[in-house]
């Protein structure tokens, strides 16, 4: 029995023992990546690596559900893929409902996958990064678009369905050490000169800083550490006060953004959920180890974010007030965050 057949058999046994277990959790239990487990299914179709072509074709699928997740949070948004463009390094989907930043160089494989659900079979396109971790999933929501889905699968079907699946070994988390050699005064002076939120990444590279290192260095000037309960309070108050927000969640290869008002906030055990008709968020609140309020100067004025991180200092999600370039930050968002900061500041 080869390793693929052995894995298939092990998964079959696990499904008998735990029929409601999701594939991600099954993969974790079996010590393999999600894509390795998925590839043992007979009903999946491996796609080729024309990432821009596949994404552009997804526009034909009409109303869908887009899902991006990391180890701590799942971000689900319904809508249509429009205004899709790619350069060699970054892809964009710019629609009021489906808003994505795509890093195609980080993709490893993609599959067309039928998923059994309580409502029947859901047809999906699923992208995985080079480590075999789910990067982005798209689910067809309307039966009338199944012919376009089948056409997409046929067009981008990998010529060799038995091609070796190459999956990199997961990297061990880096030990967190504050960079004590950085010129803090120069770093803060450069932070003060920011013109756009996107200028923050080059600033980190210039000073060779991880994001949470930079936030710690700027504490009391541009950042403030707050209690980890802030995310729950933020979502509840944004809903109560009808403050439109932006919620950024990233896998290694895709950042997915929701913009708008949230309304139905539910806490279930350790899960903090937004359960709105077009937007769902499922966040494991007990994964939040650090929470920062961050302010960045821009040409439109100060832009304020609430950023949450896990035990390995990886970002879980980032929250902003809803805004567009050229428009100042919402006063209602500024006021909401200022109140949270006052109530939840860690001395």
Protein backbone atom coordinates (compact mmCIF):
# COMPACT_ATOMS: atom_id res chain seq x y z
CA UNK A 1 0.00 0.00 0.00
CA UNK A 2 1.47 3.37 -1.02
CA UNK A 3 1.42 6.39 1.27
CA UNK A 4 -1.57 7.98 -0.51
CA UNK A 5 -3.64 4.82 -0.09
CA UNK A 6 -2.54 4.47 3.56
CA UNK A 7 -3.56 8.09 4.25
CA UNK A 8 -6.89 7.54 2.52
CA UNK A 9 -7.53 4.49 4.71
CA UNK A 10 -6.54 6.35 7.90
CA UNK A 11 -8.90 9.22 7.02
CA UNK A 12 -11.73 6.80 6.30
CA UNK A 13 -11.27 5.25 9.75
CA UNK A 14 -11.16 8.71 11.37
CA UNK A 15 -14.39 9.72 9.62
CA UNK A 16 -16.11 6.64 11.02
CA UNK A 17 -15.00 7.63 14.53
CA UNK A 18 -15.75 11.37 14.12
CA UNK A 19 -18.20 11.87 11.22
CA UNK A 20 -18.54 15.64 11.80
CA UNK A 21 -14.77 16.30 11.77
CA UNK A 22 -13.75 18.94 9.20
CA UNK A 23 -10.94 18.14 6.77
CA UNK A 24 -8.63 20.77 8.32
CA UNK A 25 -8.99 19.19 11.78
CA UNK A 26 -8.66 15.68 10.33
CA UNK A 27 -5.40 16.68 8.63
CA UNK A 28 -4.09 18.08 11.93
CA UNK A 29 -4.96 14.83 13.71
CA UNK A 30 -3.29 12.73 11.02
CA UNK A 31 -0.16 14.90 10.97
CA UNK A 32 -0.40 15.94 7.31
CA UNK A 33 -1.33 19.12 5.42
CA UNK A 34 -4.91 19.71 4.34
CA UNK A 35 -4.02 19.47 0.65
CA UNK A 36 -2.33 16.07 1.10
CA UNK A 37 -5.53 14.76 2.66
CA UNK A 38 -7.72 16.39 0.02
CA UNK A 39 -5.67 14.82 -2.79
CA UNK A 40 -6.66 11.33 -1.58
CA UNK A 41 -10.29 12.00 -2.59
CA UNK A 42 -11.44 10.42 -5.85
CA UNK A 43 -13.90 13.20 -6.66
CA UNK A 44 -11.49 16.18 -6.66
CA UNK A 45 -9.91 17.67 -9.80
CA UNK A 46 -6.46 19.19 -9.65
CA UNK A 47 -6.18 22.47 -11.56
CA UNK A 48 -3.14 23.88 -13.34
CA UNK A 49 -1.07 26.78 -12.02
CA UNK A 50 -2.50 29.59 -14.15
CA UNK A 51 -3.49 31.54 -11.04
CA UNK A 52 -4.47 34.80 -12.82
CA UNK A 53 -6.48 32.86 -15.41
CA UNK A 54 -8.40 30.91 -12.77
CA UNK A 55 -9.23 34.03 -10.73
CA UNK A 56 -10.35 35.97 -13.80
CA UNK A 57 -12.59 33.02 -14.77
CA UNK A 58 -14.13 32.99 -11.26
CA UNK A 59 -15.97 36.20 -12.22
CA UNK A 60 -18.20 33.98 -14.41
CA UNK A 61 -19.41 32.08 -11.31
CA UNK A 62 -21.57 35.02 -10.22
CA UNK A 63 -22.72 35.13 -6.59
CA UNK A 64 -20.34 33.04 -4.48
CA UNK A 65 -18.92 32.77 -0.97
CA UNK A 66 -15.22 33.65 -0.55
CA UNK A 67 -13.39 32.16 2.43
CA UNK A 68 -9.96 33.01 3.78
CA UNK A 69 -8.65 31.71 7.09
CA UNK A 70 -5.62 31.32 9.27
CA UNK A 71 -5.14 29.19 12.39
CA UNK A 72 -7.26 31.51 14.53
CA UNK A 73 -10.01 33.01 12.38
CA UNK A 74 -12.27 32.25 9.40
CA UNK A 75 -13.47 35.16 7.20
CA UNK A 76 -16.43 34.42 4.89
CA UNK A 77 -17.86 37.01 2.49
CA UNK A 78 -20.63 36.59 -0.10
CA UNK A 79 -20.63 38.53 -3.35
CA UNK A 80 -19.17 38.55 -6.86
CA UNK A 81 -15.60 38.74 -8.14
CA UNK A 82 -15.11 41.92 -10.21
CA UNK A 83 -12.28 44.27 -11.21
CA UNK A 84 -9.66 41.49 -11.17
CA UNK A 85 -6.08 42.35 -12.09
CA UNK A 86 -2.63 40.83 -11.67
CA UNK A 87 0.94 42.06 -11.90
CA UNK A 88 3.88 39.67 -11.39
CA UNK A 89 3.68 39.93 -7.59
CA UNK A 90 0.15 40.88 -6.53
CA UNK A 91 -3.39 40.22 -7.67
CA UNK A 92 -6.39 42.38 -6.79
CA UNK A 93 -10.12 41.74 -6.63
CA UNK A 94 -11.78 45.10 -6.03
CA UNK A 95 -15.49 44.86 -5.39
CA UNK A 96 -17.49 46.38 -2.51
CA UNK A 97 -18.29 42.82 -1.39
CA UNK A 98 -15.34 40.65 -2.48
CA UNK A 99 -12.16 42.59 -1.73
CA UNK A 100 -8.89 40.62 -1.96
CA UNK A 101 -5.11 41.04 -2.12
CA UNK A 102 -3.56 37.93 -3.71
CA UNK A 103 0.10 36.86 -3.65
CA UNK A 104 0.23 34.24 -6.43
CA UNK A 105 3.90 33.38 -5.85
CA UNK A 106 2.83 31.78 -2.55
CA UNK A 107 0.32 29.37 -4.12
CA UNK A 108 1.28 25.71 -4.43
CA UNK A 109 -1.82 24.03 -5.86
CA UNK A 110 -5.54 24.38 -6.56
CA UNK A 111 -8.40 21.89 -6.75
CA UNK A 112 -12.03 21.77 -7.76
CA UNK A 113 -13.75 20.14 -4.79
CA UNK A 114 -17.34 18.95 -4.24
CA UNK A 115 -18.15 19.41 -0.54
CA UNK A 116 -20.96 17.54 1.18
CA UNK A 117 -23.09 19.85 3.34
CA UNK A 118 -26.44 19.81 5.10
CA UNK A 119 -27.89 21.53 2.01
CA UNK A 120 -26.37 19.04 -0.44
CA UNK A 121 -23.20 19.24 -2.52
CA UNK A 122 -21.36 22.59 -2.59
CA UNK A 123 -19.03 23.05 -5.57
CA UNK A 124 -15.82 24.86 -4.74
CA UNK A 125 -12.44 26.03 -6.03
CA UNK A 126 -9.77 25.71 -3.34
CA UNK A 127 -6.27 27.21 -3.36
CA UNK A 128 -3.42 25.97 -1.15
CA UNK A 129 -0.07 27.54 -0.36
CA UNK A 130 3.32 25.90 -0.84
CA UNK A 131 3.01 24.36 2.65
CA UNK A 132 -0.28 22.65 1.73
CA UNK A 133 -2.31 25.00 3.92
CA UNK A 134 -5.65 26.34 2.65
CA UNK A 135 -5.08 29.85 1.28
CA UNK A 136 -8.49 30.70 -0.22
CA UNK A 137 -11.73 28.90 -1.06
CA UNK A 138 -14.64 29.88 -3.31
CA UNK A 139 -18.07 28.23 -3.10
CA UNK A 140 -20.69 28.43 -5.85
CA UNK A 141 -24.00 29.51 -4.29
CA UNK A 142 -26.36 29.46 -7.27
CA UNK A 143 -27.24 26.33 -9.22
CA UNK A 144 -27.62 28.37 -12.41
CA UNK A 145 -23.86 29.01 -12.37
CA UNK A 146 -22.84 25.32 -12.28
CA UNK A 147 -22.32 25.18 -16.06
CA UNK A 148 -19.79 28.05 -15.78
CA UNK A 149 -18.14 26.21 -12.88
CA UNK A 150 -17.84 23.01 -14.93
CA UNK A 151 -16.43 25.00 -17.83
CA UNK A 152 -13.83 26.61 -15.55
CA UNK A 153 -12.78 23.20 -14.19
CA UNK A 154 -12.46 21.75 -17.70
CA UNK A 155 -10.49 24.77 -18.96
CA UNK A 156 -7.97 24.77 -16.10
CA UNK A 157 -7.81 21.03 -15.42
CA UNK A 158 -4.25 19.85 -14.82
CA UNK A 159 -3.17 17.61 -17.71
CA UNK A 160 -1.61 15.17 -15.21
CA UNK A 161 -4.05 14.36 -12.41
CA UNK A 162 -1.46 12.06 -10.83
CA UNK A 163 1.30 14.69 -10.80
CA UNK A 164 3.35 14.65 -7.61
CA UNK A 165 2.03 17.04 -4.99
CA UNK A 166 5.05 18.93 -3.66
CA UNK A 167 4.45 20.31 -0.16
CA UNK A 168 7.09 22.20 1.83
CA UNK A 169 7.66 21.31 5.45
CA UNK A 170 6.07 23.80 7.84
CA UNK A 171 8.46 26.35 9.27
CA UNK A 172 9.01 26.40 13.03
CA UNK A 173 7.84 29.65 14.68
CA UNK A 174 10.64 32.16 15.17
CA UNK A 175 11.60 33.05 18.72
CA UNK A 176 10.50 36.59 19.49
CA UNK A 177 13.30 38.95 20.44
CA UNK A 178 13.04 42.71 20.57
CA UNK A 179 15.59 44.26 18.22
CA UNK A 180 17.70 46.22 20.71
CA UNK A 181 20.12 47.60 18.10
CA UNK A 182 17.51 49.62 16.21
CA UNK A 183 17.76 53.41 16.33
CA UNK A 184 14.43 54.04 18.04
CA UNK A 185 14.54 57.80 17.56
CA UNK A 186 15.16 57.49 13.82
CA UNK A 187 12.50 54.77 13.53
CA UNK A 188 9.84 56.92 15.23
CA UNK A 189 10.87 59.94 13.15
CA UNK A 190 10.34 57.88 9.97
CA UNK A 191 7.02 56.59 11.30
CA UNK A 192 5.92 60.20 11.80
CA UNK A 193 6.67 60.88 8.10
CA UNK A 194 4.37 58.11 6.76
CA UNK A 195 2.10 59.28 3.93
CA UNK A 196 0.10 56.09 3.39
CA UNK A 197 -0.70 52.96 5.44
CA UNK A 198 1.04 50.88 2.75
CA UNK A 199 4.32 52.69 3.55
CA UNK A 200 4.43 50.80 6.85
CA UNK A 201 5.78 47.58 5.29
CA UNK A 202 8.83 49.29 3.74
CA UNK A 203 9.41 50.97 7.14
CA UNK A 204 9.55 47.54 8.84
CA UNK A 205 11.95 46.24 6.19
CA UNK A 206 14.19 49.30 6.51
CA UNK A 207 14.63 48.74 10.26
CA UNK A 208 14.55 44.90 10.03
CA UNK A 209 11.64 44.67 12.45
CA UNK A 210 8.82 42.17 12.85
CA UNK A 211 5.44 43.88 13.14
CA UNK A 212 4.98 43.33 16.89
CA UNK A 213 8.55 44.47 17.54
CA UNK A 214 7.72 47.74 15.79
CA UNK A 215 4.50 48.17 17.77
CA UNK A 216 6.37 47.61 21.05
CA UNK A 217 9.03 50.18 20.09
CA UNK A 218 6.37 52.76 19.27
CA UNK A 219 4.32 52.22 22.44
CA UNK A 220 3.24 55.48 23.98
CA UNK A 221 3.90 57.40 20.75
CA UNK A 222 1.95 55.70 17.94
CA UNK A 223 0.76 52.52 19.64
CA UNK A 224 -0.89 51.37 22.84
CA UNK A 225 -1.19 47.82 24.15
CA UNK A 226 -4.70 47.03 25.40
CA UNK A 227 -6.61 44.15 26.98
CA UNK A 228 -7.34 41.16 24.74
CA UNK A 229 -11.07 41.51 25.44
CA UNK A 230 -11.07 44.63 23.21
CA UNK A 231 -11.99 42.72 20.02
CA UNK A 232 -15.25 41.46 21.50
CA UNK A 233 -16.11 44.91 22.88
CA UNK A 234 -15.16 46.54 19.57
CA UNK A 235 -17.46 44.28 17.53
CA UNK A 236 -20.37 44.67 19.95
CA UNK A 237 -20.08 48.46 20.09
CA UNK A 238 -19.56 48.80 16.32
CA UNK A 239 -22.80 46.83 15.91
CA UNK A 240 -24.70 48.86 18.54
CA UNK A 241 -23.46 52.21 17.20
CA UNK A 242 -23.68 51.14 13.52
CA UNK A 243 -20.07 52.16 12.90
CA UNK A 244 -18.95 50.68 9.55
CA UNK A 245 -15.68 48.81 9.93
CA UNK A 246 -13.10 46.99 7.83
CA UNK A 247 -11.99 43.50 8.87
CA UNK A 248 -8.74 42.21 7.34
CA UNK A 249 -7.89 38.50 7.63
CA UNK A 250 -4.97 36.89 5.86
CA UNK A 251 -3.69 33.43 5.01
CA UNK A 252 -0.10 33.21 3.75
CA UNK A 253 -1.27 33.94 0.20
CA UNK A 254 -4.49 35.97 0.35
CA UNK A 255 -5.81 38.90 2.40
CA UNK A 256 -9.61 39.15 2.49
CA UNK A 257 -11.37 42.36 3.54
CA UNK A 258 -14.90 43.04 4.72
CA UNK A 259 -16.14 46.64 4.69
CA UNK A 260 -19.42 47.67 6.24
CA UNK A 261 -21.63 47.55 9.29
CA UNK A 262 -21.73 44.36 11.38
CA UNK A 263 -24.85 43.50 13.36
CA UNK A 264 -25.24 39.95 14.68
CA UNK A 265 -22.39 39.32 17.15
CA UNK A 266 -22.51 36.01 19.02
CA UNK A 267 -20.02 34.53 21.51
CA UNK A 268 -20.10 30.72 21.66
CA UNK A 269 -17.59 29.15 24.05
CA UNK A 270 -14.21 30.50 22.88
CA UNK A 271 -15.56 31.48 19.46
CA UNK A 272 -16.40 35.10 18.75
CA UNK A 273 -18.71 35.21 15.72
CA UNK A 274 -20.21 37.73 13.32
CA UNK A 275 -23.24 36.01 11.77
CA UNK A 276 -24.60 38.46 9.20
CA UNK A 277 -26.32 37.47 5.93
CA UNK A 278 -23.37 38.47 3.70
CA UNK A 279 -20.47 38.33 6.17
CA UNK A 280 -19.43 35.71 8.72
CA UNK A 281 -16.40 35.84 11.00
CA UNK A 282 -15.41 32.98 13.33
CA UNK A 283 -12.60 34.00 15.67
CA UNK A 284 -11.03 31.88 18.42
CA UNK A 285 -10.86 34.54 21.10
CA UNK A 286 -8.57 32.47 23.32
CA UNK A 287 -5.90 32.61 20.57
CA UNK A 288 -5.49 36.36 21.07
CA UNK A 289 -2.26 36.95 23.01
CA UNK A 290 -1.55 40.61 22.13
CA UNK A 291 -3.85 43.47 21.15
CA UNK A 292 -2.56 46.84 19.93
CA UNK A 293 -4.17 50.11 18.98
CA UNK A 294 -2.02 51.55 16.18
CA UNK A 295 -2.02 55.01 14.62
CA UNK A 296 -0.34 55.81 11.31
CA UNK A 297 -0.03 59.28 9.73
CA UNK A 298 -1.29 59.52 6.12
CA UNK A 299 -2.05 62.33 3.69
CA UNK A 300 -5.70 61.91 4.76
CA UNK A 301 -4.88 62.29 8.46
CA UNK A 302 -4.28 59.68 11.15
CA UNK A 303 -5.52 56.15 10.38
CA UNK A 304 -6.28 54.02 13.44
CA UNK A 305 -6.31 50.22 13.58
CA UNK A 306 -6.86 47.54 16.20
CA UNK A 307 -4.49 44.64 15.57
CA UNK A 308 -4.57 41.22 17.22
CA UNK A 309 -1.79 38.61 17.35
CA UNK A 310 -1.36 34.99 18.44
CA UNK A 311 1.25 33.32 20.68
CA UNK A 312 3.76 33.21 17.79
CA UNK A 313 3.32 36.96 17.13
CA UNK A 314 1.48 36.22 13.87
CA UNK A 315 -1.32 38.60 13.01
CA UNK A 316 -4.79 37.10 13.43
CA UNK A 317 -6.88 40.02 12.14
CA UNK A 318 -6.81 43.80 11.78
CA UNK A 319 -9.75 46.18 12.23
CA UNK A 320 -10.13 49.68 10.76
CA UNK A 321 -12.97 52.12 10.39
CA UNK A 322 -14.43 51.80 6.88
CA UNK A 323 -12.72 54.30 4.60
CA UNK A 324 -11.40 54.91 1.08
CA UNK A 325 -8.15 56.60 0.02
CA UNK A 326 -8.59 60.36 -0.07
CA UNK A 327 -11.23 60.31 2.68
CA UNK A 328 -10.38 61.03 6.34
CA UNK A 329 -11.05 58.44 9.02
CA UNK A 330 -14.62 58.28 10.37
CA UNK A 331 -15.09 60.33 13.53
CA UNK A 332 -17.36 57.59 14.88
CA UNK A 333 -14.50 55.06 14.54
CA UNK A 334 -11.98 57.42 16.17
CA UNK A 335 -14.35 57.94 19.08
CA UNK A 336 -15.04 54.21 19.46
CA UNK A 337 -11.33 53.32 19.56
CA UNK A 338 -10.46 56.20 21.89
CA UNK A 339 -13.04 54.93 24.39
CA UNK A 340 -11.71 51.36 24.12
CA UNK A 341 -8.17 52.65 24.68
CA UNK A 342 -9.18 54.60 27.77
CA UNK A 343 -11.04 51.62 29.27
CA UNK A 344 -8.62 48.84 28.34
CA UNK A 345 -5.12 50.33 28.40
CA UNK A 346 -2.44 48.12 29.90
CA UNK A 347 -0.19 50.19 32.15
